[in-house]
Amino acid sequence: MTTDEPAAWEYHTLRPPREATKKEASDPVAELNELGAEGWELVTTVEYTGGGTKYLVLKRPRDAATDTQ
């Protein structure tokens, strides 16, 4: 059975960890894999003005059974 209601999403942001120089991001693959296993999907990045990734934005379907709104 399908409904005409739009999908409800929840969002999560991840800040890529910085290397010792604070100028280069570490590879966040381990944390991304953990989040992926929990149902999160990477949808976009938020960049610093002048370059560089500030945040990774992820989403997953909101579970209506646990939705408190």
PDB file of N, CA and C in Angstrom:
ATOM      1  N   MET A   1       0.843  -1.174   0.000  1.00  0.00           N
ATOM      2  CA  MET A   1       0.000   0.000   0.000  1.00  0.00           C
ATOM      3  C   MET A   1       0.891   1.240   0.000  1.00  0.00           C
ATOM      4  N   THR A   2       0.519   2.214  -0.794  1.00  0.00           N
ATOM      5  CA  THR A   2       1.275   3.464  -0.852  1.00  0.00           C
ATOM      6  C   THR A   2       0.424   4.595  -0.317  1.00  0.00           C
ATOM      7  N   THR A   3       1.093   5.644   0.133  1.00  0.00           N
ATOM      8  CA  THR A   3       0.381   6.826   0.595  1.00  0.00           C
ATOM      9  C   THR A   3       0.819   8.017  -0.241  1.00  0.00           C
ATOM     10  N   ASP A   4       0.004   9.062  -0.200  1.00  0.00           N
ATOM     11  CA  ASP A   4       0.341  10.275  -0.933  1.00  0.00           C
ATOM     12  C   ASP A   4       1.135  11.251  -0.078  1.00  0.00           C
ATOM     13  N   GLU A   5       1.455  10.856   1.155  1.00  0.00           N
ATOM     14  CA  GLU A   5       2.209  11.736   2.041  1.00  0.00           C
ATOM     15  C   GLU A   5       3.665  11.818   1.579  1.00  0.00           C
ATOM     16  N   PRO A   6       4.239  13.020   1.628  1.00  0.00           N
ATOM     17  CA  PRO A   6       5.661  13.140   1.254  1.00  0.00           C
ATOM     18  C   PRO A   6       6.535  12.413   2.274  1.00  0.00           C
ATOM     19  N   ALA A   7       7.685  11.984   1.810  1.00  0.00           N
ATOM     20  CA  ALA A   7       8.623  11.300   2.704  1.00  0.00           C
ATOM     21  C   ALA A   7       9.097  12.266   3.780  1.00  0.00           C
ATOM     22  N   ALA A   8       9.251  11.760   4.977  1.00  0.00           N
ATOM     23  CA  ALA A   8       9.791  12.564   6.075  1.00  0.00           C
ATOM     24  C   ALA A   8      11.240  12.131   6.279  1.00  0.00           C
ATOM     25  N   TRP A   9      12.133  13.108   6.399  1.00  0.00           N
ATOM     26  CA  TRP A   9      13.556  12.833   6.528  1.00  0.00           C
ATOM     27  C   TRP A   9      14.091  13.386   7.845  1.00  0.00           C
ATOM     28  N   GLU A  10      15.136  12.757   8.333  1.00  0.00           N
ATOM     29  CA  GLU A  10      15.917  13.345   9.420  1.00  0.00           C
ATOM     30  C   GLU A  10      17.318  13.548   8.882  1.00  0.00           C
ATOM     31  N   TYR A  11      17.993  14.556   9.412  1.00  0.00           N
ATOM     32  CA  TYR A  11      19.302  14.944   8.894  1.00  0.00           C
ATOM     33  C   TYR A  11      20.364  14.870   9.984  1.00  0.00           C
ATOM     34  N   HIS A  12      21.600  14.662   9.544  1.00  0.00           N
ATOM     35  CA  HIS A  12      22.756  14.556  10.440  1.00  0.00           C
ATOM     36  C   HIS A  12      23.931  15.241   9.752  1.00  0.00           C
ATOM     37  N   THR A  13      24.741  15.968  10.505  1.00  0.00           N
ATOM     38  CA  THR A  13      25.933  16.573   9.919  1.00  0.00           C
ATOM     39  C   THR A  13      27.176  15.952  10.542  1.00  0.00           C
ATOM     40  N   LEU A  14      28.195  15.842   9.737  1.00  0.00           N
ATOM     41  CA  LEU A  14      29.484  15.290  10.159  1.00  0.00           C
ATOM     42  C   LEU A  14      30.561  16.276   9.748  1.00  0.00           C
ATOM     43  N   ARG A  15      31.383  16.654  10.693  1.00  0.00           N
ATOM     44  CA  ARG A  15      32.506  17.546  10.386  1.00  0.00           C
ATOM     45  C   ARG A  15      33.719  16.655  10.153  1.00  0.00           C
ATOM     46  N   PRO A  16      34.295  16.676   8.932  1.00  0.00           N
ATOM     47  CA  PRO A  16      35.484  15.847   8.690  1.00  0.00           C
ATOM     48  C   PRO A  16      36.598  16.205   9.675  1.00  0.00           C
ATOM     49  N   PRO A  17      37.221  15.207  10.287  1.00  0.00           N
ATOM     50  CA  PRO A  17      38.312  15.492  11.230  1.00  0.00           C
ATOM     51  C   PRO A  17      39.499  16.130  10.520  1.00  0.00           C
ATOM     52  N   ARG A  18      40.208  16.990  11.216  1.00  0.00           N
ATOM     53  CA  ARG A  18      41.360  17.694  10.651  1.00  0.00           C
ATOM     54  C   ARG A  18      42.653  17.001  11.043  1.00  0.00           C
ATOM     55  N   GLU A  19      43.604  17.043  10.133  1.00  0.00           N
ATOM     56  CA  GLU A  19      44.952  16.529  10.412  1.00  0.00           C
ATOM     57  C   GLU A  19      45.663  17.489  11.364  1.00  0.00           C
ATOM     58  N   ALA A  20      46.868  17.157  11.759  1.00  0.00           N
ATOM     59  CA  ALA A  20      47.634  17.960  12.715  1.00  0.00           C
ATOM     60  C   ALA A  20      47.837  19.393  12.245  1.00  0.00           C
ATOM     61  N   THR A  21      47.929  19.610  10.926  1.00  0.00           N
ATOM     62  CA  THR A  21      48.137  20.967  10.409  1.00  0.00           C
ATOM     63  C   THR A  21      46.871  21.799  10.464  1.00  0.00           C
ATOM     64  N   LYS A  22      45.739  21.132  10.702  1.00  0.00           N
ATOM     65  CA  LYS A  22      44.419  21.772  10.720  1.00  0.00           C
ATOM     66  C   LYS A  22      44.004  22.302   9.357  1.00  0.00           C
ATOM     67  N   LYS A  23      44.774  22.010   8.310  1.00  0.00           N
ATOM     68  CA  LYS A  23      44.440  22.499   6.973  1.00  0.00           C
ATOM     69  C   LYS A  23      43.918  21.394   6.066  1.00  0.00           C
ATOM     70  N   GLU A  24      44.187  20.159   6.413  1.00  0.00           N
ATOM     71  CA  GLU A  24      43.756  19.037   5.584  1.00  0.00           C
ATOM     72  C   GLU A  24      42.818  18.137   6.392  1.00  0.00           C
ATOM     73  N   ALA A  25      41.738  17.707   5.758  1.00  0.00           N
ATOM     74  CA  ALA A  25      40.800  16.812   6.423  1.00  0.00           C
ATOM     75  C   ALA A  25      41.312  15.376   6.368  1.00  0.00           C
ATOM     76  N   SER A  26      41.077  14.639   7.438  1.00  0.00           N
ATOM     77  CA  SER A  26      41.350  13.205   7.447  1.00  0.00           C
ATOM     78  C   SER A  26      40.231  12.509   6.686  1.00  0.00           C
ATOM     79  N   ASP A  27      40.505  11.318   6.205  1.00  0.00           N
ATOM     80  CA  ASP A  27      39.493  10.546   5.490  1.00  0.00           C
ATOM     81  C   ASP A  27      38.461  10.029   6.497  1.00  0.00           C
ATOM     82  N   PRO A  28      37.191  10.446   6.391  1.00  0.00           N
ATOM     83  CA  PRO A  28      36.173  10.024   7.348  1.00  0.00           C
ATOM     84  C   PRO A  28      35.477   8.717   6.971  1.00  0.00           C
ATOM     85  N   VAL A  29      36.120   7.870   6.180  1.00  0.00           N
ATOM     86  CA  VAL A  29      35.467   6.673   5.644  1.00  0.00           C
ATOM     87  C   VAL A  29      34.936   5.745   6.745  1.00  0.00           C
ATOM     88  N   ALA A  30      35.650   5.568   7.842  1.00  0.00           N
ATOM     89  CA  ALA A  30      35.177   4.673   8.902  1.00  0.00           C
ATOM     90  C   ALA A  30      33.870   5.191   9.502  1.00  0.00           C
ATOM     91  N   GLU A  31      33.823   6.479   9.804  1.00  0.00           N
ATOM     92  CA  GLU A  31      32.600   7.039  10.375  1.00  0.00           C
ATOM     93  C   GLU A  31      31.464   7.036   9.356  1.00  0.00           C
ATOM     94  N   LEU A  32      31.776   7.308   8.089  1.00  0.00           N
ATOM     95  CA  LEU A  32      30.742   7.259   7.050  1.00  0.00           C
ATOM     96  C   LEU A  32      30.183   5.847   6.890  1.00  0.00           C
ATOM     97  N   ASN A  33      31.042   4.832   6.969  1.00  0.00           N
ATOM     98  CA  ASN A  33      30.572   3.451   6.881  1.00  0.00           C
ATOM     99  C   ASN A  33      29.671   3.098   8.067  1.00  0.00           C
ATOM    100  N   GLU A  34      30.025   3.574   9.257  1.00  0.00           N
ATOM    101  CA  GLU A  34      29.175   3.331  10.432  1.00  0.00           C
ATOM    102  C   GLU A  34      27.806   3.996  10.248  1.00  0.00           C
ATOM    103  N   LEU A  35      27.817   5.243   9.790  1.00  0.00           N
ATOM    104  CA  LEU A  35      26.557   5.946   9.568  1.00  0.00           C
ATOM    105  C   LEU A  35      25.744   5.291   8.456  1.00  0.00           C
ATOM    106  N   GLY A  36      26.414   4.832   7.400  1.00  0.00           N
ATOM    107  CA  GLY A  36      25.720   4.130   6.319  1.00  0.00           C
ATOM    108  C   GLY A  36      25.039   2.869   6.816  1.00  0.00           C
ATOM    109  N   ALA A  37      25.691   2.155   7.720  1.00  0.00           N
ATOM    110  CA  ALA A  37      25.100   0.939   8.293  1.00  0.00           C
ATOM    111  C   ALA A  37      23.854   1.265   9.121  1.00  0.00           C
ATOM    112  N   GLU A  38      23.766   2.508   9.600  1.00  0.00           N
ATOM    113  CA  GLU A  38      22.600   2.951  10.375  1.00  0.00           C
ATOM    114  C   GLU A  38      21.525   3.560   9.472  1.00  0.00           C
ATOM    115  N   GLY A  39      21.750   3.541   8.155  1.00  0.00           N
ATOM    116  CA  GLY A  39      20.745   4.020   7.221  1.00  0.00           C
ATOM    117  C   GLY A  39      20.949   5.434   6.709  1.00  0.00           C
ATOM    118  N   TRP A  40      22.063   6.087   7.110  1.00  0.00           N
ATOM    119  CA  TRP A  40      22.322   7.451   6.664  1.00  0.00           C
ATOM    120  C   TRP A  40      22.910   7.445   5.257  1.00  0.00           C
ATOM    121  N   GLU A  41      22.540   8.447   4.461  1.00  0.00           N
ATOM    122  CA  GLU A  41      23.029   8.603   3.093  1.00  0.00           C
ATOM    123  C   GLU A  41      23.591  10.014   2.936  1.00  0.00           C
ATOM    124  N   LEU A  42      24.810  10.124   2.399  1.00  0.00           N
ATOM    125  CA  LEU A  42      25.424  11.428   2.157  1.00  0.00           C
ATOM    126  C   LEU A  42      24.679  12.127   1.028  1.00  0.00           C
ATOM    127  N   VAL A  43      24.244  13.374   1.274  1.00  0.00           N
ATOM    128  CA  VAL A  43      23.487  14.090   0.252  1.00  0.00           C
ATOM    129  C   VAL A  43      24.197  15.336  -0.266  1.00  0.00           C
ATOM    130  N   THR A  44      25.020  15.979   0.546  1.00  0.00           N
ATOM    131  CA  THR A  44      25.718  17.177   0.087  1.00  0.00           C
ATOM    132  C   THR A  44      26.827  17.540   1.061  1.00  0.00           C
ATOM    133  N   THR A  45      27.609  18.525   0.682  1.00  0.00           N
ATOM    134  CA  THR A  45      28.629  19.067   1.567  1.00  0.00           C
ATOM    135  C   THR A  45      28.395  20.559   1.731  1.00  0.00           C
ATOM    136  N   VAL A  46      28.857  21.113   2.835  1.00  0.00           N
ATOM    137  CA  VAL A  46      28.839  22.548   3.068  1.00  0.00           C
ATOM    138  C   VAL A  46      30.295  22.976   3.051  1.00  0.00           C
ATOM    139  N   GLU A  47      30.614  23.888   2.149  1.00  0.00           N
ATOM    140  CA  GLU A  47      32.004  24.302   1.938  1.00  0.00           C
ATOM    141  C   GLU A  47      32.324  25.599   2.673  1.00  0.00           C
ATOM    142  N   TYR A  48      33.587  25.748   3.047  1.00  0.00           N
ATOM    143  CA  TYR A  48      34.073  27.030   3.546  1.00  0.00           C
ATOM    144  C   TYR A  48      34.129  28.009   2.381  1.00  0.00           C
ATOM    145  N   THR A  49      33.953  29.288   2.652  1.00  0.00           N
ATOM    146  CA  THR A  49      34.189  30.298   1.638  1.00  0.00           C
ATOM    147  C   THR A  49      35.670  30.255   1.317  1.00  0.00           C
ATOM    148  N   GLY A  50      36.028  30.046   0.086  1.00  0.00           N
ATOM    149  CA  GLY A  50      37.431  29.941  -0.292  1.00  0.00           C
ATOM    150  C   GLY A  50      37.904  28.503  -0.420  1.00  0.00           C
ATOM    151  N   GLY A  51      37.017  27.542  -0.183  1.00  0.00           N
ATOM    152  CA  GLY A  51      37.375  26.144  -0.405  1.00  0.00           C
ATOM    153  C   GLY A  51      37.468  25.337   0.868  1.00  0.00           C
ATOM    154  N   GLY A  52      37.337  24.048   0.724  1.00  0.00           N
ATOM    155  CA  GLY A  52      37.423  23.125   1.848  1.00  0.00           C
ATOM    156  C   GLY A  52      36.052  22.734   2.359  1.00  0.00           C
ATOM    157  N   THR A  53      35.934  21.506   2.807  1.00  0.00           N
ATOM    158  CA  THR A  53      34.658  20.998   3.300  1.00  0.00           C
ATOM    159  C   THR A  53      34.518  21.282   4.789  1.00  0.00           C
ATOM    160  N   LYS A  54      33.427  21.925   5.159  1.00  0.00           N
ATOM    161  CA  LYS A  54      33.151  22.213   6.561  1.00  0.00           C
ATOM    162  C   LYS A  54      32.287  21.113   7.170  1.00  0.00           C
ATOM    163  N   TYR A  55      31.241  20.708   6.469  1.00  0.00           N
ATOM    164  CA  TYR A  55      30.339  19.669   6.960  1.00  0.00           C
ATOM    165  C   TYR A  55      29.928  18.733   5.828  1.00  0.00           C
ATOM    166  N   LEU A  56      29.662  17.497   6.188  1.00  0.00           N
ATOM    167  CA  LEU A  56      29.016  16.535   5.306  1.00  0.00           C
ATOM    168  C   LEU A  56      27.583  16.427   5.819  1.00  0.00           C
ATOM    169  N   VAL A  57      26.600  16.490   4.934  1.00  0.00           N
ATOM    170  CA  VAL A  57      25.204  16.430   5.327  1.00  0.00           C
ATOM    171  C   VAL A  57      24.638  15.085   4.870  1.00  0.00           C
ATOM    172  N   LEU A  58      24.036  14.372   5.823  1.00  0.00           N
ATOM    173  CA  LEU A  58      23.463  13.061   5.551  1.00  0.00           C
ATOM    174  C   LEU A  58      21.980  13.079   5.888  1.00  0.00           C
ATOM    175  N   LYS A  59      21.227  12.171   5.276  1.00  0.00           N
ATOM    176  CA  LYS A  59      19.804  12.049   5.592  1.00  0.00           C
ATOM    177  C   LYS A  59      19.421  10.581   5.594  1.00  0.00           C
ATOM    178  N   ARG A  60      18.297  10.299   6.265  1.00  0.00           N
ATOM    179  CA  ARG A  60      17.683   8.973   6.213  1.00  0.00           C
ATOM    180  C   ARG A  60      16.192   9.154   6.449  1.00  0.00           C
ATOM    181  N   PRO A  61      15.398   8.196   5.989  1.00  0.00           N
ATOM    182  CA  PRO A  61      13.953   8.311   6.217  1.00  0.00           C
ATOM    183  C   PRO A  61      13.663   8.330   7.719  1.00  0.00           C
ATOM    184  N   ARG A  62      12.752   9.206   8.098  1.00  0.00           N
ATOM    185  CA  ARG A  62      12.336   9.277   9.491  1.00  0.00           C
ATOM    186  C   ARG A  62      11.427   8.093   9.781  1.00  0.00           C
ATOM    187  N   ASP A  63      11.659   7.431  10.872  1.00  0.00           N
ATOM    188  CA  ASP A  63      10.838   6.281  11.272  1.00  0.00           C
ATOM    189  C   ASP A  63       9.594   6.809  11.961  1.00  0.00           C
ATOM    190  N   ALA A  64       8.449   6.636  11.312  1.00  0.00           N
ATOM    191  CA  ALA A  64       7.193   7.146  11.853  1.00  0.00           C
ATOM    192  C   ALA A  64       6.882   6.551  13.218  1.00  0.00           C
ATOM    193  N   ALA A  65       7.339   5.329  13.476  1.00  0.00           N
ATOM    194  CA  ALA A  65       7.056   4.680  14.759  1.00  0.00           C
ATOM    195  C   ALA A  65       7.782   5.357  15.907  1.00  0.00           C
ATOM    196  N   THR A  66       8.927   5.987  15.642  1.00  0.00           N
ATOM    197  CA  THR A  66       9.686   6.632  16.705  1.00  0.00           C
ATOM    198  C   THR A  66       9.658   8.149  16.583  1.00  0.00           C
ATOM    199  N   ASP A  67       8.865   8.667  15.653  1.00  0.00           N
ATOM    200  CA  ASP A  67       8.773  10.116  15.445  1.00  0.00           C
ATOM    201  C   ASP A  67       8.025  10.736  16.627  1.00  0.00           C
ATOM    202  N   THR A  68       8.676  11.722  17.272  1.00  0.00           N
ATOM    203  CA  THR A  68       8.095  12.344  18.444  1.00  0.00           C
ATOM    204  C   THR A  68       7.393  13.667  18.123  1.00  0.00           C
ATOM    205  N   GLN A  69       7.357  14.055  16.875  1.00  0.00           N
ATOM    206  CA  GLN A  69       6.730  15.336  16.523  1.00  0.00           C
ATOM    207  C   GLN A  69       5.272  15.162  16.224  1.00  0.00           C
TER     208      GLN A  69
END
